[in-house]
Amino acid sequence: MSTRGTRTYYLGSDAEVTNALFTWRTSPEPLSFAVSELRQVGLVQTPARTRPYAPHLAAGVLLSVAAGWTLLANPTLYVIIALAIAGPLLAYFWREPRRWELHAQYHGTAVVLYSSSDVRVFNQVGRALRRAMEDGRRTPWGYGLAAA
């Protein structure tokens, strides 16, 4: 958690960004990175992937439809209803949602700083890290830029 004299830019259930540390609370243990040691920070959107159990779920739906076709009194109506219910459920469970990730170089090693499928929270964490890095570069003399 934040200590006295430390500025907190973001504090959530899965991450904390202060002027000194970026902490991602993952299981089994949290990952912490010194903000001053981060280089080449970038945003990456991972593609949606097929869930490993989705083909088995599809096969089960097809077997259920085949069994329903032979066992029911008016099979056409029941099969249409089953497909109307199972189709959206199958489409929902077929793919994992896209994930957004923060990648960086930390002590010369490529690392994933943070990952989330919630775009709003991901943007809040990314913005907080950007502010922490920008504030860490400030000197008493400003940003070290010359005015023209």
Protein backbone atom coordinates (compact mmCIF):
# COMPACT_ATOMS: atom_id res chain seq x y z
CA MET A 1 0.00 0.00 0.00
CA SER A 2 0.96 3.62 -0.23
CA THR A 3 3.30 5.07 2.34
CA ARG A 4 3.53 8.60 3.64
CA GLY A 5 5.11 10.96 1.11
CA THR A 6 4.25 8.69 -1.80
CA ARG A 7 1.89 9.99 -4.45
CA THR A 8 -0.74 7.47 -5.57
CA TYR A 9 -1.94 7.78 -9.17
CA TYR A 10 -4.18 4.71 -9.23
CA LEU A 11 -5.40 2.36 -6.52
CA GLY A 12 -7.67 -0.50 -7.47
CA SER A 13 -8.34 -4.10 -6.58
CA ASP A 14 -5.87 -5.42 -9.16
CA ALA A 15 -3.21 -2.69 -9.47
CA GLU A 16 -1.57 0.23 -7.69
CA VAL A 17 0.49 2.95 -9.33
CA THR A 18 2.55 5.31 -7.19
CA ASN A 19 5.38 7.67 -8.06
CA ALA A 20 7.86 4.92 -7.10
CA LEU A 21 6.21 1.55 -7.81
CA PHE A 22 3.86 -0.10 -10.26
CA THR A 23 2.21 -3.11 -8.58
CA TRP A 24 0.01 -5.63 -10.38
CA ARG A 25 -1.83 -7.84 -7.89
CA THR A 26 -1.80 -11.23 -9.59
CA SER A 27 -2.01 -14.68 -8.11
CA PRO A 28 -0.15 -16.31 -6.53
CA GLU A 29 1.86 -13.18 -5.66
CA PRO A 30 1.85 -9.55 -6.81
CA LEU A 31 4.38 -8.22 -9.30
CA SER A 32 6.09 -4.91 -8.50
CA PHE A 33 8.23 -2.76 -10.77
CA ALA A 34 10.16 0.42 -10.00
CA VAL A 35 8.67 3.14 -12.22
CA SER A 36 12.08 4.78 -12.73
CA GLU A 37 13.48 1.53 -14.19
CA LEU A 38 10.77 1.03 -16.83
CA ARG A 39 11.73 1.60 -20.47
CA GLN A 40 9.85 1.33 -23.78
CA VAL A 41 6.39 1.02 -22.23
CA GLY A 42 3.76 0.14 -24.81
CA LEU A 43 0.15 -0.96 -25.15
CA VAL A 44 -0.72 -4.27 -26.81
CA GLN A 45 -4.12 -5.70 -27.65
CA THR A 46 -4.08 -9.49 -27.74
CA PRO A 47 -6.40 -11.23 -30.20
CA ALA A 48 -9.48 -13.07 -28.99
CA ARG A 49 -8.82 -16.78 -28.65
CA THR A 50 -11.05 -19.82 -28.87
CA ARG A 51 -11.77 -21.25 -25.46
CA PRO A 52 -10.44 -24.79 -25.08
CA TYR A 53 -13.82 -26.29 -24.17
CA ALA A 54 -15.86 -24.54 -26.90
CA PRO A 55 -15.62 -27.34 -29.52
CA HIS A 56 -16.81 -29.86 -26.89
CA LEU A 57 -19.73 -27.61 -26.05
CA ALA A 58 -20.64 -27.36 -29.75
CA ALA A 59 -20.49 -31.16 -30.13
CA GLY A 60 -22.77 -31.55 -27.10
CA VAL A 61 -25.32 -29.14 -28.59
CA LEU A 62 -25.29 -31.02 -31.89
CA LEU A 63 -25.79 -34.37 -30.11
CA SER A 64 -28.66 -32.88 -28.12
CA VAL A 65 -30.30 -31.63 -31.29
CA ALA A 66 -29.89 -35.02 -32.95
CA ALA A 67 -31.39 -36.80 -29.94
CA GLY A 68 -34.26 -34.32 -29.78
CA TRP A 69 -35.05 -34.81 -33.45
CA THR A 70 -35.76 -38.53 -32.94
CA LEU A 71 -37.41 -38.51 -29.51
CA LEU A 72 -39.91 -35.65 -29.53
CA ALA A 73 -43.47 -35.61 -30.89
CA ASN A 74 -43.00 -32.46 -32.98
CA PRO A 75 -39.21 -32.43 -33.36
CA THR A 76 -38.92 -29.53 -35.77
CA LEU A 77 -40.37 -26.99 -33.34
CA TYR A 78 -38.27 -28.23 -30.42
CA VAL A 79 -35.08 -28.25 -32.45
CA ILE A 80 -35.68 -24.67 -33.62
CA ILE A 81 -36.25 -23.56 -30.02
CA ALA A 82 -33.14 -25.40 -28.83
CA LEU A 83 -31.02 -23.81 -31.55
CA ALA A 84 -32.44 -20.38 -30.76
CA ILE A 85 -31.35 -20.79 -27.14
CA ALA A 86 -28.07 -22.62 -27.71
CA GLY A 87 -26.81 -20.45 -30.58
CA PRO A 88 -26.25 -17.24 -28.59
CA LEU A 89 -24.88 -19.20 -25.61
CA LEU A 90 -22.41 -21.01 -27.84
CA ALA A 91 -21.33 -17.76 -29.48
CA TYR A 92 -20.78 -16.20 -26.05
CA PHE A 93 -18.66 -19.06 -24.73
CA TRP A 94 -16.78 -19.74 -27.99
CA ARG A 95 -14.14 -17.00 -27.65
CA GLU A 96 -12.25 -15.45 -24.80
CA PRO A 97 -12.49 -11.65 -24.77
CA ARG A 98 -9.64 -9.57 -26.11
CA ARG A 99 -7.13 -8.52 -23.50
CA TRP A 100 -5.18 -5.30 -23.27
CA GLU A 101 -1.62 -5.51 -21.96
CA LEU A 102 1.07 -3.06 -20.86
CA HIS A 103 4.50 -4.27 -22.02
CA ALA A 104 7.86 -2.76 -21.03
CA GLN A 105 11.57 -3.35 -20.67
CA TYR A 106 12.54 -3.79 -17.02
CA HIS A 107 16.24 -4.23 -16.23
CA GLY A 108 16.78 -5.26 -19.87
CA THR A 109 14.05 -7.92 -19.87
CA ALA A 110 10.71 -7.73 -21.68
CA VAL A 111 7.87 -7.99 -19.16
CA VAL A 112 4.08 -7.75 -19.07
CA LEU A 113 3.32 -5.04 -16.53
CA TYR A 114 -0.46 -5.38 -16.52
CA SER A 115 -3.24 -7.17 -18.38
CA SER A 116 -7.01 -6.69 -18.37
CA SER A 117 -10.03 -7.37 -20.56
CA ASP A 118 -11.83 -4.32 -19.11
CA VAL A 119 -10.83 -1.45 -21.40
CA ARG A 120 -11.95 1.27 -18.98
CA VAL A 121 -9.84 -0.01 -16.08
CA PHE A 122 -6.91 -0.74 -18.40
CA ASN A 123 -6.94 2.85 -19.67
CA GLN A 124 -7.05 4.19 -16.10
CA VAL A 125 -4.02 2.09 -15.13
CA GLY A 126 -2.14 3.04 -18.31
CA ARG A 127 -2.85 6.74 -17.80
CA ALA A 128 -1.71 6.53 -14.17
CA LEU A 129 1.54 4.86 -15.20
CA ARG A 130 2.12 7.51 -17.86
CA ARG A 131 1.64 10.28 -15.28
CA ALA A 132 3.94 8.56 -12.79
CA MET A 133 6.66 8.24 -15.43
CA GLU A 134 6.25 11.85 -16.56
CA ASP A 135 6.38 13.16 -12.98
CA GLY A 136 9.47 11.03 -12.32
CA ARG A 137 11.35 12.80 -15.13
CA ARG A 138 10.76 16.27 -13.71
CA THR A 139 13.70 18.07 -12.18
CA PRO A 140 13.73 21.22 -10.06
CA TRP A 141 14.60 23.01 -13.31
CA GLY A 142 11.58 21.69 -15.23
CA TYR A 143 11.74 19.00 -17.90
CA GLY A 144 15.19 19.95 -19.11
CA LEU A 145 13.80 21.38 -22.35
CA ALA A 146 15.13 24.51 -23.96
CA ALA A 147 12.76 27.21 -25.11
CA ALA A 148 13.22 28.54 -28.62
